[in-house]
């Protein structure tokens, strides 16, 4: 396994039930992600660990789950990407295969914001802060 410096902050760790390698390739196309680390399992179709960097933040995923608890698709949260050009990020996500959940628009708080869902059931919000905000 490649040695990498620890990331700071809160890093989501997503269970993907046999689709982590596919997710890595998709997130690279859709969100410009970079794979930082990959740890295969004895099963060539599953990863024990996947670490990605997306827009300066981190995301981890795995195909492995606790045998005592069955796989449940991700729910109850979304991943938000704060960007300087929401239209460009939005177009890339749709071109890669994301589907629109909430159309990209200027919201009542001033940000340009919308939400897509990826093929793995994850919701991604694309947020361009209003001018003068960060």
C-alpha atoms as a PDB file:
ATOM      1  CA  UNK A   1       0.000   0.000   0.000  1.00  0.00           C
ATOM      2  CA  UNK A   2       1.261   3.465  -0.847  1.00  0.00           C
ATOM      3  CA  UNK A   3       2.217   5.594   2.162  1.00  0.00           C
ATOM      4  CA  UNK A   4       0.349   8.892   2.135  1.00  0.00           C
ATOM      5  CA  UNK A   5       0.293  11.762   4.600  1.00  0.00           C
ATOM      6  CA  UNK A   6      -2.814  11.834   6.783  1.00  0.00           C
ATOM      7  CA  UNK A   7      -5.665  14.007   5.604  1.00  0.00           C
ATOM      8  CA  UNK A   8      -7.293  16.364   8.061  1.00  0.00           C
ATOM      9  CA  UNK A   9     -10.931  17.120   8.695  1.00  0.00           C
ATOM     10  CA  UNK A  10     -13.917  14.823   8.383  1.00  0.00           C
ATOM     11  CA  UNK A  11     -13.591  12.230   5.633  1.00  0.00           C
ATOM     12  CA  UNK A  12     -16.654  10.237   4.531  1.00  0.00           C
ATOM     13  CA  UNK A  13     -16.072   6.470   4.334  1.00  0.00           C
ATOM     14  CA  UNK A  14     -18.550   4.911   1.909  1.00  0.00           C
ATOM     15  CA  UNK A  15     -19.470   1.220   1.638  1.00  0.00           C
ATOM     16  CA  UNK A  16     -19.956   0.243  -2.018  1.00  0.00           C
ATOM     17  CA  UNK A  17     -20.642  -3.514  -1.998  1.00  0.00           C
ATOM     18  CA  UNK A  18     -18.322  -4.620  -4.799  1.00  0.00           C
ATOM     19  CA  UNK A  19     -18.252  -1.399  -6.842  1.00  0.00           C
ATOM     20  CA  UNK A  20     -15.362   0.591  -5.311  1.00  0.00           C
ATOM     21  CA  UNK A  21     -13.017   0.185  -8.304  1.00  0.00           C
ATOM     22  CA  UNK A  22     -15.839   1.218 -10.641  1.00  0.00           C
ATOM     23  CA  UNK A  23     -16.603   4.210  -8.401  1.00  0.00           C
ATOM     24  CA  UNK A  24     -12.963   5.314  -8.517  1.00  0.00           C
ATOM     25  CA  UNK A  25     -13.005   5.431 -12.311  1.00  0.00           C
ATOM     26  CA  UNK A  26     -16.381   7.172 -12.368  1.00  0.00           C
ATOM     27  CA  UNK A  27     -15.492   9.832  -9.772  1.00  0.00           C
ATOM     28  CA  UNK A  28     -12.313  10.554 -11.734  1.00  0.00           C
ATOM     29  CA  UNK A  29     -14.400  11.299 -14.843  1.00  0.00           C
ATOM     30  CA  UNK A  30     -17.288  13.052 -13.096  1.00  0.00           C
ATOM     31  CA  UNK A  31     -15.499  15.086 -10.428  1.00  0.00           C
ATOM     32  CA  UNK A  32     -11.822  15.160 -11.383  1.00  0.00           C
ATOM     33  CA  UNK A  33     -10.955  12.832  -8.491  1.00  0.00           C
ATOM     34  CA  UNK A  34      -7.469  11.440  -7.987  1.00  0.00           C
ATOM     35  CA  UNK A  35      -6.922   7.996  -6.506  1.00  0.00           C
ATOM     36  CA  UNK A  36      -4.524   8.325  -3.567  1.00  0.00           C
ATOM     37  CA  UNK A  37      -4.470   4.740  -2.268  1.00  0.00           C
ATOM     38  CA  UNK A  38      -5.979   1.372  -3.150  1.00  0.00           C
ATOM     39  CA  UNK A  39      -5.831  -1.861  -1.146  1.00  0.00           C
ATOM     40  CA  UNK A  40      -7.182  -4.951  -2.927  1.00  0.00           C
ATOM     41  CA  UNK A  41      -8.685  -7.873  -1.059  1.00  0.00           C
ATOM     42  CA  UNK A  42      -8.145 -11.580  -1.677  1.00  0.00           C
ATOM     43  CA  UNK A  43     -11.243 -11.370  -3.891  1.00  0.00           C
ATOM     44  CA  UNK A  44     -10.024  -9.619  -7.072  1.00  0.00           C
ATOM     45  CA  UNK A  45     -13.439  -7.987  -7.541  1.00  0.00           C
ATOM     46  CA  UNK A  46     -13.412  -6.215  -4.164  1.00  0.00           C
ATOM     47  CA  UNK A  47     -11.312  -3.541  -2.475  1.00  0.00           C
ATOM     48  CA  UNK A  48     -10.573  -3.433   1.237  1.00  0.00           C
ATOM     49  CA  UNK A  49      -9.819   0.286   0.995  1.00  0.00           C
ATOM     50  CA  UNK A  50      -9.926   3.113  -1.538  1.00  0.00           C
ATOM     51  CA  UNK A  51      -8.789   6.672  -0.846  1.00  0.00           C
ATOM     52  CA  UNK A  52      -9.633   9.523  -3.231  1.00  0.00           C
ATOM     53  CA  UNK A  53      -8.931  13.240  -3.337  1.00  0.00           C
ATOM     54  CA  UNK A  54     -11.658  15.401  -4.844  1.00  0.00           C
ATOM     55  CA  UNK A  55     -11.369  19.174  -5.145  1.00  0.00           C
ATOM     56  CA  UNK A  56      -8.889  19.330  -2.247  1.00  0.00           C
ATOM     57  CA  UNK A  57     -10.954  17.109   0.051  1.00  0.00           C
ATOM     58  CA  UNK A  58     -10.888  13.420   0.855  1.00  0.00           C
ATOM     59  CA  UNK A  59     -13.243  10.499   0.346  1.00  0.00           C
ATOM     60  CA  UNK A  60     -12.692   6.867   1.307  1.00  0.00           C
ATOM     61  CA  UNK A  61     -14.588   3.779   0.216  1.00  0.00           C
ATOM     62  CA  UNK A  62     -14.552   0.025   0.645  1.00  0.00           C
ATOM     63  CA  UNK A  63     -16.269  -3.069  -0.688  1.00  0.00           C
ATOM     64  CA  UNK A  64     -15.921  -4.809   2.647  1.00  0.00           C
ATOM     65  CA  UNK A  65     -18.666  -4.791   5.263  1.00  0.00           C
ATOM     66  CA  UNK A  66     -19.254  -6.276   8.659  1.00  0.00           C
ATOM     67  CA  UNK A  67     -20.695  -9.781   8.113  1.00  0.00           C
ATOM     68  CA  UNK A  68     -23.128  -9.151  10.986  1.00  0.00           C
ATOM     69  CA  UNK A  69     -24.764  -6.214   9.192  1.00  0.00           C
ATOM     70  CA  UNK A  70     -25.984  -6.535   5.598  1.00  0.00           C
ATOM     71  CA  UNK A  71     -25.155  -3.901   2.993  1.00  0.00           C
ATOM     72  CA  UNK A  72     -27.502  -0.909   2.893  1.00  0.00           C
ATOM     73  CA  UNK A  73     -27.191   1.663   0.081  1.00  0.00           C
ATOM     74  CA  UNK A  74     -25.992   5.113   1.217  1.00  0.00           C
ATOM     75  CA  UNK A  75     -28.799   7.354   2.429  1.00  0.00           C
ATOM     76  CA  UNK A  76     -29.512  10.361   4.613  1.00  0.00           C
ATOM     77  CA  UNK A  77     -26.617  12.565   3.438  1.00  0.00           C
ATOM     78  CA  UNK A  78     -25.048  14.192   0.413  1.00  0.00           C
ATOM     79  CA  UNK A  79     -21.492  15.108  -0.531  1.00  0.00           C
ATOM     80  CA  UNK A  80     -21.055  18.819  -1.270  1.00  0.00           C
ATOM     81  CA  UNK A  81     -18.355  20.150  -3.583  1.00  0.00           C
ATOM     82  CA  UNK A  82     -17.688  23.885  -3.252  1.00  0.00           C
ATOM     83  CA  UNK A  83     -16.309  25.163  -6.562  1.00  0.00           C
ATOM     84  CA  UNK A  84     -15.517  28.360  -8.439  1.00  0.00           C
ATOM     85  CA  UNK A  85     -17.432  27.387 -11.623  1.00  0.00           C
ATOM     86  CA  UNK A  86     -20.563  25.361 -10.888  1.00  0.00           C
ATOM     87  CA  UNK A  87     -21.600  25.220 -14.544  1.00  0.00           C
ATOM     88  CA  UNK A  88     -18.337  23.532 -15.595  1.00  0.00           C
ATOM     89  CA  UNK A  89     -18.447  21.008 -12.723  1.00  0.00           C
ATOM     90  CA  UNK A  90     -22.139  20.355 -13.400  1.00  0.00           C
ATOM     91  CA  UNK A  91     -21.581  19.714 -17.102  1.00  0.00           C
ATOM     92  CA  UNK A  92     -18.718  17.287 -16.393  1.00  0.00           C
ATOM     93  CA  UNK A  93     -20.810  15.340 -13.847  1.00  0.00           C
ATOM     94  CA  UNK A  94     -23.734  15.014 -16.271  1.00  0.00           C
ATOM     95  CA  UNK A  95     -21.476  14.066 -19.174  1.00  0.00           C
ATOM     96  CA  UNK A  96     -19.949  11.295 -17.029  1.00  0.00           C
ATOM     97  CA  UNK A  97     -23.391   9.862 -16.264  1.00  0.00           C
ATOM     98  CA  UNK A  98     -24.761  11.544 -13.132  1.00  0.00           C
ATOM     99  CA  UNK A  99     -28.491  12.230 -13.103  1.00  0.00           C
ATOM    100  CA  UNK A 100     -30.090  15.489 -11.976  1.00  0.00           C
ATOM    101  CA  UNK A 101     -31.752  15.414  -8.562  1.00  0.00           C
ATOM    102  CA  UNK A 102     -32.108  19.201  -8.058  1.00  0.00           C
ATOM    103  CA  UNK A 103     -31.403  21.388 -11.115  1.00  0.00           C
ATOM    104  CA  UNK A 104     -28.432  23.750 -10.946  1.00  0.00           C
ATOM    105  CA  UNK A 105     -29.773  27.219 -10.197  1.00  0.00           C
ATOM    106  CA  UNK A 106     -29.157  30.397  -8.240  1.00  0.00           C
ATOM    107  CA  UNK A 107     -30.687  29.693  -4.848  1.00  0.00           C
ATOM    108  CA  UNK A 108     -32.469  32.097  -2.499  1.00  0.00           C
ATOM    109  CA  UNK A 109     -29.274  32.410  -0.405  1.00  0.00           C
ATOM    110  CA  UNK A 110     -27.327  33.540  -3.480  1.00  0.00           C
ATOM    111  CA  UNK A 111     -25.201  30.468  -4.248  1.00  0.00           C
ATOM    112  CA  UNK A 112     -25.367  28.650  -7.566  1.00  0.00           C
ATOM    113  CA  UNK A 113     -26.339  25.164  -6.359  1.00  0.00           C
ATOM    114  CA  UNK A 114     -27.708  21.873  -7.645  1.00  0.00           C
ATOM    115  CA  UNK A 115     -27.626  18.184  -6.835  1.00  0.00           C
ATOM    116  CA  UNK A 116     -26.886  15.075  -8.892  1.00  0.00           C
ATOM    117  CA  UNK A 117     -26.937  11.375  -8.091  1.00  0.00           C
ATOM    118  CA  UNK A 118     -24.137   9.094  -9.247  1.00  0.00           C
ATOM    119  CA  UNK A 119     -24.565   5.462 -10.417  1.00  0.00           C
ATOM    120  CA  UNK A 120     -23.804   4.254  -6.862  1.00  0.00           C
ATOM    121  CA  UNK A 121     -26.738   6.120  -5.307  1.00  0.00           C
ATOM    122  CA  UNK A 122     -24.648   8.908  -3.783  1.00  0.00           C
ATOM    123  CA  UNK A 123     -26.017  12.439  -3.874  1.00  0.00           C
ATOM    124  CA  UNK A 124     -23.513  15.151  -4.826  1.00  0.00           C
ATOM    125  CA  UNK A 125     -24.263  18.859  -4.392  1.00  0.00           C
ATOM    126  CA  UNK A 126     -22.341  21.295  -6.593  1.00  0.00           C
ATOM    127  CA  UNK A 127     -22.080  24.691  -4.871  1.00  0.00           C
ATOM    128  CA  UNK A 128     -20.599  27.912  -6.234  1.00  0.00           C
ATOM    129  CA  UNK A 129     -20.719  30.492  -3.418  1.00  0.00           C
ATOM    130  CA  UNK A 130     -22.265  33.858  -4.184  1.00  0.00           C
ATOM    131  CA  UNK A 131     -19.767  36.561  -5.160  1.00  0.00           C
ATOM    132  CA  UNK A 132     -17.807  37.724  -2.126  1.00  0.00           C
ATOM    133  CA  UNK A 133     -18.446  34.539  -0.100  1.00  0.00           C
ATOM    134  CA  UNK A 134     -16.102  31.636   0.509  1.00  0.00           C
END
